[in-house]
C-alpha cells in the first residue's frame, strides 16, 4: 500500500501501533499547529474534549507530540515524531530498529502540511 494523505492515518495505525484516536489527533496537530483539546475536538468533530485530551497525553508519552502548556499540544517535526515512535515500537516488540521505507514515507508525506501550518 502506497502511503498518501488519504490513507496516512491507517498507515500510522498499522506501522506505529497507535490507536485511531491517537492517529487522528497527531495528524490534526501536524496539519494545523498548536492546539488545545477544545480545538482538537472541534476539528475532528468530536463532542468530548476528554477524548482529545486522553489521546494527546498518550501521544506525549509515545514521544510524538509535546505539551507546550498544561492544555496546549504541539507536534514534533513529523520525520522525528514518526521515527521516534517507530524506534519505541521496535523496542516494545523486541525487534531490531532498522530502516523502514513506509515509516520514512509517512514522515516525508506529513512534512509539507507541518511546514505549511507553521509557515
N, C-alpha and C. Protein backbone atom coordinates (compact mmCIF):
# COMPACT_ATOMS: atom_id res chain seq x y z
N UNK A 1 0.84 -1.18 0.00
CA UNK A 1 0.00 0.00 0.00
C UNK A 1 0.89 1.25 0.00
N UNK A 2 0.67 2.11 -1.00
CA UNK A 2 1.38 3.38 -1.05
C UNK A 2 0.75 4.33 -0.04
N UNK A 3 1.59 5.07 0.65
CA UNK A 3 1.09 5.99 1.66
C UNK A 3 0.82 7.35 1.01
N UNK A 4 -0.40 7.88 1.23
CA UNK A 4 -0.76 9.22 0.75
C UNK A 4 -1.63 9.88 1.81
N UNK A 5 -2.00 11.14 1.58
CA UNK A 5 -2.74 11.87 2.61
C UNK A 5 -4.11 11.26 2.91
N UNK A 6 -4.67 10.50 1.96
CA UNK A 6 -5.99 9.91 2.21
C UNK A 6 -5.92 8.67 3.09
N UNK A 7 -4.76 8.00 3.14
CA UNK A 7 -4.66 6.80 3.98
C UNK A 7 -3.54 6.87 5.01
N UNK A 8 -3.01 8.07 5.24
CA UNK A 8 -1.87 8.19 6.16
C UNK A 8 -2.26 7.77 7.58
N UNK A 9 -3.52 8.01 7.98
CA UNK A 9 -3.93 7.61 9.32
C UNK A 9 -3.87 6.10 9.49
N UNK A 10 -4.30 5.35 8.47
CA UNK A 10 -4.25 3.89 8.56
C UNK A 10 -2.81 3.38 8.56
N UNK A 11 -1.94 4.03 7.79
CA UNK A 11 -0.53 3.65 7.77
C UNK A 11 0.11 3.90 9.14
N UNK A 12 -0.23 5.02 9.76
CA UNK A 12 0.30 5.34 11.09
C UNK A 12 -0.17 4.30 12.11
N UNK A 13 -1.44 3.96 12.06
CA UNK A 13 -2.00 2.97 12.99
C UNK A 13 -1.30 1.63 12.83
N UNK A 14 -1.14 1.17 11.60
CA UNK A 14 -0.56 -0.17 11.39
C UNK A 14 0.95 -0.20 11.64
N UNK A 15 1.66 0.82 11.19
CA UNK A 15 3.12 0.81 11.33
C UNK A 15 3.60 1.18 12.73
N UNK A 16 2.88 2.07 13.39
CA UNK A 16 3.34 2.57 14.69
C UNK A 16 2.59 1.98 15.87
N UNK A 17 1.55 1.21 15.57
CA UNK A 17 0.74 0.56 16.61
C UNK A 17 0.21 1.57 17.62
N UNK A 18 -0.51 2.57 17.09
CA UNK A 18 -1.20 3.51 17.94
C UNK A 18 -2.69 3.43 17.60
N UNK A 19 -3.53 3.99 18.45
CA UNK A 19 -4.97 3.91 18.25
C UNK A 19 -5.44 4.86 17.15
N UNK A 20 -6.64 4.64 16.68
CA UNK A 20 -7.25 5.51 15.69
C UNK A 20 -7.36 6.94 16.22
N UNK A 21 -7.79 7.09 17.47
CA UNK A 21 -7.89 8.43 18.08
C UNK A 21 -6.52 9.11 18.10
N UNK A 22 -5.49 8.37 18.50
CA UNK A 22 -4.15 8.95 18.56
C UNK A 22 -3.69 9.39 17.17
N UNK A 23 -3.95 8.56 16.16
CA UNK A 23 -3.54 8.90 14.79
C UNK A 23 -4.26 10.16 14.32
N UNK A 24 -5.56 10.26 14.58
CA UNK A 24 -6.32 11.44 14.16
C UNK A 24 -5.83 12.71 14.86
N UNK A 25 -5.56 12.60 16.15
CA UNK A 25 -5.08 13.77 16.91
C UNK A 25 -3.69 14.18 16.41
N UNK A 26 -2.81 13.22 16.19
CA UNK A 26 -1.47 13.53 15.69
C UNK A 26 -1.56 14.26 14.36
N UNK A 27 -2.34 13.73 13.44
CA UNK A 27 -2.43 14.32 12.10
C UNK A 27 -3.03 15.72 12.14
N UNK A 28 -4.06 15.93 12.95
CA UNK A 28 -4.68 17.26 13.00
C UNK A 28 -3.73 18.30 13.60
N UNK A 29 -2.93 17.89 14.58
CA UNK A 29 -1.95 18.83 15.16
C UNK A 29 -0.84 19.11 14.15
N UNK A 30 -0.40 18.08 13.42
CA UNK A 30 0.61 18.29 12.38
C UNK A 30 0.08 19.29 11.35
N UNK A 31 -1.17 19.11 10.93
CA UNK A 31 -1.74 19.93 9.85
C UNK A 31 -2.12 21.34 10.29
N UNK A 32 -2.47 21.53 11.56
CA UNK A 32 -2.99 22.83 12.00
C UNK A 32 -2.10 23.56 13.00
N UNK A 33 -1.11 22.86 13.57
CA UNK A 33 -0.24 23.51 14.55
C UNK A 33 -0.77 23.35 15.97
N UNK A 34 -0.20 24.11 16.86
CA UNK A 34 -0.50 24.05 18.30
C UNK A 34 -2.01 24.10 18.54
N UNK A 35 -2.50 23.16 19.37
CA UNK A 35 -3.93 23.09 19.65
C UNK A 35 -4.18 22.65 21.09
N UNK A 36 -5.35 23.06 21.61
CA UNK A 36 -5.81 22.56 22.90
C UNK A 36 -6.92 21.53 22.64
N UNK A 37 -7.34 20.78 23.68
CA UNK A 37 -8.36 19.74 23.47
C UNK A 37 -9.66 20.25 22.84
N UNK A 38 -10.06 21.47 23.15
CA UNK A 38 -11.30 22.01 22.57
C UNK A 38 -11.15 22.18 21.06
N UNK A 39 -10.01 22.72 20.63
CA UNK A 39 -9.77 22.89 19.19
C UNK A 39 -9.62 21.54 18.49
N UNK A 40 -8.94 20.61 19.14
CA UNK A 40 -8.77 19.27 18.57
C UNK A 40 -10.14 18.63 18.37
N UNK A 41 -10.95 18.66 19.42
CA UNK A 41 -12.29 18.06 19.36
C UNK A 41 -13.12 18.70 18.25
N UNK A 42 -13.08 20.02 18.18
CA UNK A 42 -13.84 20.73 17.16
C UNK A 42 -13.40 20.36 15.75
N UNK A 43 -12.08 20.30 15.55
CA UNK A 43 -11.54 19.99 14.23
C UNK A 43 -11.88 18.56 13.79
N UNK A 44 -11.99 17.66 14.76
CA UNK A 44 -12.26 16.26 14.46
C UNK A 44 -13.74 15.91 14.54
N UNK A 45 -14.56 16.88 14.96
CA UNK A 45 -16.00 16.63 15.06
C UNK A 45 -16.37 15.77 16.25
N UNK A 46 -15.54 15.80 17.28
CA UNK A 46 -15.82 15.03 18.50
C UNK A 46 -16.56 15.94 19.48
N UNK A 47 -17.49 15.37 20.22
CA UNK A 47 -18.22 16.15 21.22
C UNK A 47 -17.54 16.10 22.59
N UNK A 48 -16.53 15.25 22.72
CA UNK A 48 -15.89 15.01 24.01
C UNK A 48 -14.45 15.51 24.02
N UNK A 49 -14.21 16.62 24.73
CA UNK A 49 -12.85 17.15 24.83
C UNK A 49 -11.93 16.19 25.58
N UNK A 50 -12.48 15.43 26.51
CA UNK A 50 -11.68 14.47 27.28
C UNK A 50 -11.06 13.42 26.36
N UNK A 51 -11.79 13.03 25.34
CA UNK A 51 -11.28 12.07 24.36
C UNK A 51 -10.03 12.63 23.68
N UNK A 52 -10.09 13.90 23.30
CA UNK A 52 -8.94 14.55 22.67
C UNK A 52 -7.77 14.68 23.65
N UNK A 53 -8.08 15.03 24.88
CA UNK A 53 -7.04 15.18 25.89
C UNK A 53 -6.36 13.84 26.18
N UNK A 54 -7.14 12.78 26.27
CA UNK A 54 -6.59 11.45 26.53
C UNK A 54 -5.66 11.03 25.40
N UNK A 55 -6.10 11.22 24.16
CA UNK A 55 -5.26 10.84 23.01
C UNK A 55 -3.99 11.70 22.96
N UNK A 56 -4.13 12.99 23.23
CA UNK A 56 -2.96 13.88 23.20
C UNK A 56 -1.94 13.48 24.27
N UNK A 57 -2.42 13.21 25.47
CA UNK A 57 -1.49 12.80 26.54
C UNK A 57 -0.79 11.49 26.20
N UNK A 58 -1.50 10.58 25.56
CA UNK A 58 -0.89 9.32 25.14
C UNK A 58 0.20 9.57 24.10
N UNK A 59 -0.06 10.50 23.19
CA UNK A 59 0.95 10.84 22.17
C UNK A 59 2.17 11.50 22.79
N UNK A 60 1.98 12.26 23.85
CA UNK A 60 3.13 12.83 24.57
C UNK A 60 3.96 11.69 25.14
N UNK A 61 3.30 10.72 25.76
CA UNK A 61 4.00 9.57 26.35
C UNK A 61 4.71 8.74 25.28
N UNK A 62 4.18 8.74 24.08
CA UNK A 62 4.76 7.97 22.97
C UNK A 62 5.86 8.74 22.24
N UNK A 63 6.11 9.98 22.65
CA UNK A 63 7.20 10.75 22.06
C UNK A 63 6.88 11.38 20.71
N UNK A 64 5.59 11.59 20.42
CA UNK A 64 5.22 12.15 19.11
C UNK A 64 4.81 13.61 19.16
N UNK A 65 4.28 14.05 20.29
CA UNK A 65 3.93 15.46 20.47
C UNK A 65 4.44 15.89 21.84
N UNK A 66 4.42 17.20 22.06
CA UNK A 66 4.83 17.73 23.36
C UNK A 66 3.70 18.59 23.90
N UNK A 67 3.67 18.72 25.22
CA UNK A 67 2.71 19.64 25.82
C UNK A 67 3.42 20.96 26.06
N UNK A 68 2.95 21.98 25.35
CA UNK A 68 3.52 23.32 25.43
C UNK A 68 3.13 23.94 26.77
N UNK A 69 1.85 23.81 27.11
CA UNK A 69 1.32 24.22 28.41
C UNK A 69 0.51 23.03 28.93
N UNK A 70 -0.17 23.19 30.04
CA UNK A 70 -0.98 22.08 30.56
C UNK A 70 -2.12 21.72 29.62
N UNK A 71 -2.50 22.67 28.76
CA UNK A 71 -3.66 22.42 27.90
C UNK A 71 -3.37 22.59 26.41
N UNK A 72 -2.14 22.90 26.02
CA UNK A 72 -1.82 23.05 24.60
C UNK A 72 -0.77 22.04 24.18
N UNK A 73 -1.00 21.48 22.99
CA UNK A 73 -0.11 20.45 22.48
C UNK A 73 0.42 20.85 21.11
N UNK A 74 1.66 20.43 20.82
CA UNK A 74 2.29 20.70 19.54
C UNK A 74 3.03 19.45 19.09
N UNK A 75 3.03 19.23 17.81
CA UNK A 75 3.72 18.07 17.24
C UNK A 75 5.22 18.32 17.15
N UNK A 76 5.98 17.27 17.32
CA UNK A 76 7.38 17.32 16.94
C UNK A 76 7.39 17.32 15.41
N UNK A 77 8.51 17.63 14.81
CA UNK A 77 8.60 17.54 13.35
C UNK A 77 8.20 16.12 12.94
N UNK A 78 7.36 15.96 11.91
CA UNK A 78 6.83 14.64 11.57
C UNK A 78 7.89 13.56 11.36
N UNK A 79 8.98 13.88 10.70
CA UNK A 79 10.01 12.84 10.50
C UNK A 79 10.56 12.36 11.83
N UNK A 80 10.79 13.31 12.73
CA UNK A 80 11.31 12.95 14.05
C UNK A 80 10.26 12.21 14.86
N UNK A 81 9.02 12.72 14.87
CA UNK A 81 7.95 12.11 15.65
C UNK A 81 7.68 10.67 15.20
N UNK A 82 7.62 10.45 13.91
CA UNK A 82 7.32 9.12 13.37
C UNK A 82 8.47 8.16 13.66
N UNK A 83 9.69 8.61 13.43
CA UNK A 83 10.86 7.76 13.70
C UNK A 83 10.98 7.47 15.19
N UNK A 84 10.73 8.47 16.01
CA UNK A 84 10.78 8.31 17.46
C UNK A 84 9.82 7.20 17.91
N UNK A 85 8.58 7.28 17.44
CA UNK A 85 7.58 6.28 17.81
C UNK A 85 7.95 4.91 17.25
N UNK A 86 8.45 4.87 16.01
CA UNK A 86 8.81 3.58 15.41
C UNK A 86 9.94 2.91 16.21
N UNK A 87 10.90 3.71 16.64
CA UNK A 87 12.00 3.16 17.46
C UNK A 87 11.45 2.55 18.75
N UNK A 88 10.53 3.27 19.41
CA UNK A 88 9.93 2.76 20.64
C UNK A 88 9.10 1.50 20.38
N UNK A 89 8.39 1.50 19.26
CA UNK A 89 7.59 0.32 18.91
C UNK A 89 8.49 -0.90 18.70
N UNK A 90 9.62 -0.71 18.05
CA UNK A 90 10.58 -1.81 17.87
C UNK A 90 11.07 -2.33 19.22
N UNK A 91 11.36 -1.41 20.14
CA UNK A 91 11.79 -1.81 21.48
C UNK A 91 10.69 -2.60 22.18
N UNK A 92 9.44 -2.11 22.08
CA UNK A 92 8.30 -2.78 22.72
C UNK A 92 8.11 -4.20 22.17
N UNK A 93 8.30 -4.34 20.85
CA UNK A 93 8.09 -5.64 20.19
C UNK A 93 9.33 -6.53 20.20
N UNK A 94 10.45 -5.99 20.70
CA UNK A 94 11.68 -6.77 20.74
C UNK A 94 12.24 -7.08 19.36
N UNK A 95 12.04 -6.16 18.42
CA UNK A 95 12.58 -6.36 17.07
C UNK A 95 13.65 -5.30 16.82
N UNK A 96 14.61 -5.62 15.95
CA UNK A 96 15.68 -4.64 15.70
C UNK A 96 15.15 -3.41 14.99
N UNK A 97 15.65 -2.25 15.40
CA UNK A 97 15.29 -0.99 14.75
C UNK A 97 16.14 -0.87 13.51
N UNK A 98 15.49 -0.77 12.35
CA UNK A 98 16.20 -0.59 11.09
C UNK A 98 15.34 0.23 10.15
N UNK A 99 15.91 0.64 9.05
CA UNK A 99 15.21 1.48 8.08
C UNK A 99 13.90 0.81 7.66
N UNK A 100 12.84 1.61 7.64
CA UNK A 100 11.53 1.14 7.20
C UNK A 100 11.00 2.20 6.24
N UNK A 101 10.94 1.86 4.95
CA UNK A 101 10.56 2.85 3.94
C UNK A 101 9.15 3.39 4.15
N UNK A 102 8.23 2.55 4.61
CA UNK A 102 6.86 3.02 4.83
C UNK A 102 6.84 4.07 5.94
N UNK A 103 7.57 3.79 7.02
CA UNK A 103 7.67 4.75 8.13
C UNK A 103 8.33 6.04 7.65
N UNK A 104 9.40 5.93 6.88
CA UNK A 104 10.06 7.12 6.34
C UNK A 104 9.11 7.93 5.46
N UNK A 105 8.32 7.23 4.64
CA UNK A 105 7.39 7.91 3.73
C UNK A 105 6.28 8.65 4.49
N UNK A 106 5.86 8.10 5.63
CA UNK A 106 4.85 8.79 6.45
C UNK A 106 5.40 10.14 6.91
N UNK A 107 6.61 10.13 7.42
CA UNK A 107 7.24 11.37 7.87
C UNK A 107 7.42 12.37 6.75
N UNK A 108 7.86 11.91 5.60
CA UNK A 108 8.05 12.79 4.44
C UNK A 108 6.72 13.37 3.98
N UNK A 109 5.68 12.54 3.94
CA UNK A 109 4.36 12.97 3.50
C UNK A 109 3.78 14.07 4.39
N UNK A 110 4.03 13.96 5.70
CA UNK A 110 3.46 14.93 6.64
C UNK A 110 4.32 16.19 6.80
N UNK A 111 5.49 16.18 6.20
CA UNK A 111 6.40 17.31 6.34
C UNK A 111 5.84 18.61 5.74
N UNK A 112 5.26 18.53 4.55
CA UNK A 112 4.74 19.75 3.91
C UNK A 112 3.57 20.35 4.69
N UNK A 113 2.52 19.54 5.08
CA UNK A 113 1.46 20.14 5.88
C UNK A 113 1.97 20.73 7.20
N UNK A 114 2.96 20.08 7.80
CA UNK A 114 3.57 20.59 9.04
C UNK A 114 4.19 21.96 8.79
N UNK A 115 5.01 22.06 7.75
CA UNK A 115 5.67 23.33 7.43
C UNK A 115 4.66 24.40 7.05
N UNK A 116 3.63 24.03 6.29
CA UNK A 116 2.60 25.00 5.87
C UNK A 116 1.87 25.58 7.07
N UNK A 117 1.59 24.76 8.07
CA UNK A 117 0.86 25.23 9.25
C UNK A 117 1.70 26.16 10.13
N UNK A 118 3.00 26.09 9.96
CA UNK A 118 3.89 26.87 10.80
C UNK A 118 4.62 27.95 10.01
N UNK A 119 4.30 28.03 8.70
CA UNK A 119 4.89 28.89 7.71
C UNK A 119 5.44 30.15 8.04
